[in-house]
C-alpha atoms as a PDB file:
ATOM      1  CA  MET A   1      -2.116   4.761  -8.127  1.00  0.00           C
ATOM      2  CA  ASP A   2       0.444   4.839 -10.903  1.00  0.00           C
ATOM      3  CA  ALA A   3       2.635   1.788 -11.393  1.00  0.00           C
ATOM      4  CA  PHE A   4       6.388   2.194 -11.546  1.00  0.00           C
ATOM      5  CA  PRO A   5       8.455   0.401 -14.190  1.00  0.00           C
ATOM      6  CA  GLU A   6      10.108  -2.942 -13.527  1.00  0.00           C
ATOM      7  CA  ALA A   7      12.418  -5.430 -15.221  1.00  0.00           C
ATOM      8  CA  SER A   8      13.448  -9.042 -14.694  1.00  0.00           C
ATOM      9  CA  VAL A   9      16.362 -11.257 -15.653  1.00  0.00           C
ATOM     10  CA  GLU A  10      16.680 -15.028 -15.510  1.00  0.00           C
ATOM     11  CA  ARG A  11      19.878 -16.729 -14.487  1.00  0.00           C
ATOM     12  CA  THR A  12      21.149 -20.160 -13.509  1.00  0.00           C
ATOM     13  CA  VAL A  13      22.937 -20.583 -10.194  1.00  0.00           C
ATOM     14  CA  GLU A  14      26.491 -21.347 -11.275  1.00  0.00           C
ATOM     15  CA  TRP A  15      29.133 -23.082  -9.155  1.00  0.00           C
ATOM     16  CA  VAL A  16      30.866 -19.721  -8.592  1.00  0.00           C
ATOM     17  CA  ASP A  17      27.573 -18.400  -7.119  1.00  0.00           C
ATOM     18  CA  THR A  18      27.647 -20.945  -4.289  1.00  0.00           C
ATOM     19  CA  ASP A  19      29.516 -21.014  -0.995  1.00  0.00           C
ATOM     20  CA  ALA A  20      30.975 -23.827   1.116  1.00  0.00           C
ATOM     21  CA  SER A  21      27.447 -24.825   2.172  1.00  0.00           C
ATOM     22  CA  GLY A  22      26.513 -25.607  -1.434  1.00  0.00           C
ATOM     23  CA  HIS A  23      23.827 -22.924  -1.766  1.00  0.00           C
ATOM     24  CA  GLN A  24      23.990 -19.376  -3.112  1.00  0.00           C
ATOM     25  CA  HIS A  25      26.529 -17.005  -1.624  1.00  0.00           C
ATOM     26  CA  ASN A  26      24.921 -13.851  -0.250  1.00  0.00           C
ATOM     27  CA  SER A  27      26.678 -11.714  -2.876  1.00  0.00           C
ATOM     28  CA  ALA A  28      25.009 -13.630  -5.734  1.00  0.00           C
ATOM     29  CA  ILE A  29      21.639 -12.106  -4.839  1.00  0.00           C
ATOM     30  CA  LEU A  30      22.992  -8.572  -5.316  1.00  0.00           C
ATOM     31  CA  ARG A  31      24.652  -9.451  -8.620  1.00  0.00           C
ATOM     32  CA  TRP A  32      21.360 -10.781  -9.997  1.00  0.00           C
ATOM     33  CA  VAL A  33      19.493  -7.729  -8.675  1.00  0.00           C
ATOM     34  CA  GLU A  34      22.053  -5.421 -10.294  1.00  0.00           C
ATOM     35  CA  ALA A  35      21.617  -7.278 -13.601  1.00  0.00           C
ATOM     36  CA  ALA A  36      17.854  -6.657 -13.403  1.00  0.00           C
ATOM     37  CA  GLU A  37      18.524  -3.028 -12.474  1.00  0.00           C
ATOM     38  CA  ALA A  38      20.741  -2.647 -15.556  1.00  0.00           C
ATOM     39  CA  GLU A  39      18.001  -4.157 -17.711  1.00  0.00           C
ATOM     40  CA  LEU A  40      15.477  -1.713 -16.225  1.00  0.00           C
ATOM     41  CA  PHE A  41      17.547   1.365 -17.012  1.00  0.00           C
ATOM     42  CA  ARG A  42      18.437   0.060 -20.494  1.00  0.00           C
ATOM     43  CA  SER A  43      14.713  -0.348 -21.190  1.00  0.00           C
ATOM     44  CA  LEU A  44      14.099   3.222 -19.963  1.00  0.00           C
ATOM     45  CA  GLU A  45      16.961   4.432 -22.195  1.00  0.00           C
ATOM     46  CA  LEU A  46      18.750   5.990 -19.218  1.00  0.00           C
ATOM     47  CA  PRO A  47      22.395   4.885 -19.635  1.00  0.00           C
ATOM     48  CA  ASP A  48      23.618   7.844 -17.556  1.00  0.00           C
ATOM     49  CA  TYR A  49      21.936   6.455 -14.422  1.00  0.00           C
ATOM     50  CA  PHE A  50      24.735   4.111 -13.290  1.00  0.00           C
ATOM     51  CA  PRO A  51      27.731   6.422 -13.155  1.00  0.00           C
ATOM     52  CA  ASN A  52      25.690   8.968 -11.185  1.00  0.00           C
ATOM     53  CA  ALA A  53      23.648   6.855  -8.738  1.00  0.00           C
ATOM     54  CA  PRO A  54      25.654   5.448  -5.830  1.00  0.00           C
ATOM     55  CA  ARG A  55      23.919   3.172  -3.369  1.00  0.00           C
ATOM     56  CA  VAL A  56      23.172   4.618   0.044  1.00  0.00           C
ATOM     57  CA  GLN A  57      21.224   1.669   1.450  1.00  0.00           C
ATOM     58  CA  GLN A  58      20.676  -2.029   0.671  1.00  0.00           C
ATOM     59  CA  VAL A  59      18.311  -4.254   2.605  1.00  0.00           C
ATOM     60  CA  ILE A  60      18.181  -7.981   1.845  1.00  0.00           C
ATOM     61  CA  ASN A  61      15.879 -10.508   3.478  1.00  0.00           C
ATOM     62  CA  TYR A  62      16.836 -14.137   2.805  1.00  0.00           C
ATOM     63  CA  LYS A  63      13.981 -16.667   2.831  1.00  0.00           C
ATOM     64  CA  ALA A  64      15.149 -19.763   0.956  1.00  0.00           C
ATOM     65  CA  LYS A  65      18.307 -21.348  -0.373  1.00  0.00           C
ATOM     66  CA  LEU A  66      19.158 -21.569  -4.052  1.00  0.00           C
ATOM     67  CA  TRP A  67      21.234 -24.471  -5.339  1.00  0.00           C
ATOM     68  CA  PHE A  68      23.780 -25.016  -8.101  1.00  0.00           C
ATOM     69  CA  GLY A  69      21.968 -25.507 -11.419  1.00  0.00           C
ATOM     70  CA  GLN A  70      18.702 -23.953 -10.228  1.00  0.00           C
ATOM     71  CA  ARG A  71      17.012 -21.298 -12.396  1.00  0.00           C
ATOM     72  CA  VAL A  72      16.277 -17.968 -10.728  1.00  0.00           C
ATOM     73  CA  THR A  73      14.402 -14.826 -11.711  1.00  0.00           C
ATOM     74  CA  ALA A  74      15.437 -11.474 -10.273  1.00  0.00           C
ATOM     75  CA  THR A  75      12.882  -8.675 -10.570  1.00  0.00           C
ATOM     76  CA  VAL A  76      13.505  -5.017  -9.754  1.00  0.00           C
ATOM     77  CA  LYS A  77      10.749  -2.405  -9.595  1.00  0.00           C
ATOM     78  CA  ILE A  78      11.059   1.279  -8.891  1.00  0.00           C
ATOM     79  CA  HIS A  79       9.285   1.713  -5.586  1.00  0.00           C
ATOM     80  CA  ALA A  80       9.731   5.452  -4.910  1.00  0.00           C
ATOM     81  CA  LEU A  81      11.262   8.376  -6.750  1.00  0.00           C
ATOM     82  CA  GLY A  82      12.224  11.282  -4.535  1.00  0.00           C
ATOM     83  CA  ARG A  83      13.786  14.620  -5.408  1.00  0.00           C
ATOM     84  CA  THR A  84      17.335  13.198  -5.116  1.00  0.00           C
ATOM     85  CA  SER A  85      16.773   9.526  -4.233  1.00  0.00           C
ATOM     86  CA  LEU A  86      15.369   6.423  -5.877  1.00  0.00           C
ATOM     87  CA  THR A  87      14.266   3.286  -4.049  1.00  0.00           C
ATOM     88  CA  MET A  88      13.827   0.009  -5.886  1.00  0.00           C
ATOM     89  CA  ALA A  89      12.142  -3.058  -4.446  1.00  0.00           C
ATOM     90  CA  PHE A  90      13.375  -6.452  -5.587  1.00  0.00           C
ATOM     91  CA  GLU A  91      12.749 -10.140  -5.259  1.00  0.00           C
ATOM     92  CA  VAL A  92      14.704 -13.160  -6.374  1.00  0.00           C
ATOM     93  CA  ARG A  93      12.636 -16.284  -6.996  1.00  0.00           C
ATOM     94  CA  GLY A  94      13.978 -19.804  -7.308  1.00  0.00           C
ATOM     95  CA  HIS A  95      12.326 -22.112  -9.824  1.00  0.00           C
ATOM     96  CA  PRO A  96      11.825 -25.816  -9.107  1.00  0.00           C
ATOM     97  CA  LEU A  97      14.799 -28.087  -9.519  1.00  0.00           C
ATOM     98  CA  GLU A  98      14.528 -30.927 -12.022  1.00  0.00           C
ATOM     99  CA  ASN A  99      13.614 -33.351  -9.244  1.00  0.00           C
ATOM    100  CA  ALA A 100      11.373 -32.697  -6.246  1.00  0.00           C
ATOM    101  CA  ALA A 101      14.389 -33.227  -3.985  1.00  0.00           C
ATOM    102  CA  ARG A 102      18.068 -32.776  -4.718  1.00  0.00           C
ATOM    103  CA  GLU A 103      21.148 -34.306  -3.186  1.00  0.00           C
ATOM    104  CA  THR A 104      23.996 -31.799  -2.900  1.00  0.00           C
ATOM    105  CA  PRO A 105      27.706 -32.699  -3.050  1.00  0.00           C
ATOM    106  CA  ASP A 106      27.754 -32.942   0.775  1.00  0.00           C
ATOM    107  CA  GLY A 107      25.243 -35.834   0.569  1.00  0.00           C
ATOM    108  CA  VAL A 108      22.385 -33.866   2.150  1.00  0.00           C
ATOM    109  CA  THR A 109      18.979 -33.978   0.463  1.00  0.00           C
ATOM    110  CA  HIS A 110      17.179 -30.624   0.089  1.00  0.00           C
ATOM    111  CA  GLN A 111      13.583 -30.100  -0.965  1.00  0.00           C
ATOM    112  CA  GLY A 112      12.836 -28.300  -4.248  1.00  0.00           C
ATOM    113  CA  ALA A 113      10.671 -25.235  -4.705  1.00  0.00           C
ATOM    114  CA  SER A 114       7.028 -25.017  -3.674  1.00  0.00           C
ATOM    115  CA  SER A 115       4.196 -26.452  -5.784  1.00  0.00           C
ATOM    116  CA  ASP A 116       3.332 -23.068  -7.385  1.00  0.00           C
ATOM    117  CA  GLY A 117       6.464 -23.324  -9.501  1.00  0.00           C
ATOM    118  CA  SER A 118       8.731 -20.875  -7.716  1.00  0.00           C
ATOM    119  CA  GLU A 119       9.451 -19.457  -4.303  1.00  0.00           C
ATOM    120  CA  VAL A 120      10.841 -16.182  -3.053  1.00  0.00           C
ATOM    121  CA  ALA A 121      14.435 -16.775  -2.006  1.00  0.00           C
ATOM    122  CA  ALA A 122      15.264 -13.147  -1.198  1.00  0.00           C
ATOM    123  CA  PHE A 123      13.598  -9.738  -1.258  1.00  0.00           C
ATOM    124  CA  GLY A 124      14.458  -6.220  -0.227  1.00  0.00           C
ATOM    125  CA  THR A 125      15.218  -2.707  -1.355  1.00  0.00           C
ATOM    126  CA  VAL A 126      18.090  -0.739  -2.828  1.00  0.00           C
ATOM    127  CA  THR A 127      18.223   3.047  -2.494  1.00  0.00           C
ATOM    128  CA  THR A 128      20.423   5.227  -4.677  1.00  0.00           C
ATOM    129  CA  VAL A 129      20.911   8.988  -4.875  1.00  0.00           C
ATOM    130  CA  HIS A 130      21.724  11.220  -7.801  1.00  0.00           C
ATOM    131  CA  VAL A 131      25.307  12.468  -7.468  1.00  0.00           C
ATOM    132  CA  PRO A 132      26.401  13.845 -10.847  1.00  0.00           C
ATOM    133  CA  ASN A 133      29.994  13.339 -11.917  1.00  0.00           C
ATOM    134  CA  GLY A 134      32.207  16.019 -10.401  1.00  0.00           C
ATOM    135  CA  THR A 135      29.929  16.660  -7.407  1.00  0.00           C
ATOM    136  CA  THR A 136      30.042  15.257  -3.892  1.00  0.00           C
ATOM    137  CA  ALA A 137      26.455  15.700  -2.709  1.00  0.00           C
ATOM    138  CA  ALA A 138      23.045  14.505  -3.854  1.00  0.00           C
ATOM    139  CA  GLN A 139      21.374  16.676  -6.496  1.00  0.00           C
ATOM    140  CA  PRO A 140      17.823  16.593  -7.917  1.00  0.00           C
ATOM    141  CA  TRP A 141      17.256  14.015 -10.637  1.00  0.00           C
ATOM    142  CA  PRO A 142      17.527  15.564 -14.105  1.00  0.00           C
ATOM    143  CA  GLU A 143      14.324  16.361 -15.959  1.00  0.00           C
ATOM    144  CA  HIS A 144      14.897  13.665 -18.635  1.00  0.00           C
ATOM    145  CA  PHE A 145      15.238  11.034 -15.889  1.00  0.00           C
ATOM    146  CA  VAL A 146      11.992  12.024 -14.146  1.00  0.00           C
ATOM    147  CA  ARG A 147      10.245  12.306 -17.517  1.00  0.00           C
ATOM    148  CA  ALA A 148      11.377   8.794 -18.600  1.00  0.00           C
ATOM    149  CA  ILE A 149       9.993   7.248 -15.443  1.00  0.00           C
ATOM    150  CA  GLY A 150       6.866   9.436 -15.594  1.00  0.00           C
ATOM    151  CA  ALA A 151       6.208   8.446 -19.209  1.00  0.00           C
ATOM    152  CA  VAL A 152       6.106   4.791 -18.156  1.00  0.00           C
ATOM    153  CA  GLN A 153       3.797   5.641 -15.242  1.00  0.00           C
ATOM    154  CA  ALA A 154       1.432   7.598 -17.491  1.00  0.00           C
ATOM    155  CA  ALA A 155       1.286   4.790 -20.071  1.00  0.00           C
ATOM    156  CA  GLU A 156       0.234   2.145 -17.551  1.00  0.00           C
END
């Protein structure tokens, strides 16, 4: 089976990424995923993807909390390419904090990441469709788009 292309970005959980509970706000996950998505389409040399690919579905499963100052890696991989749609699978992994346990500003101690070095904090899928500028309905992906993704598949 051919492998689809993927890309990752690393970020640090900033104070603005947290909510009143002291861990990541749910919207931070999507921002990191979108940054990885942008990296993916830059690497494929497909800058025309974003203005023509609205989201039609997002599914996020939260598994672990991420804390201020923690390093995270967001990875996006094309999961399925349809005639007019594209589904990407993603995961956001939290890397261990400096100490095995961390005390947050609320005085509560939280355990760090698992012993393998990182843990999945969130995973899911994002589905987009190709809606070219000036149209209102999904259209087939252009040949250069399919070819760019196919070239990566053929090379792997």
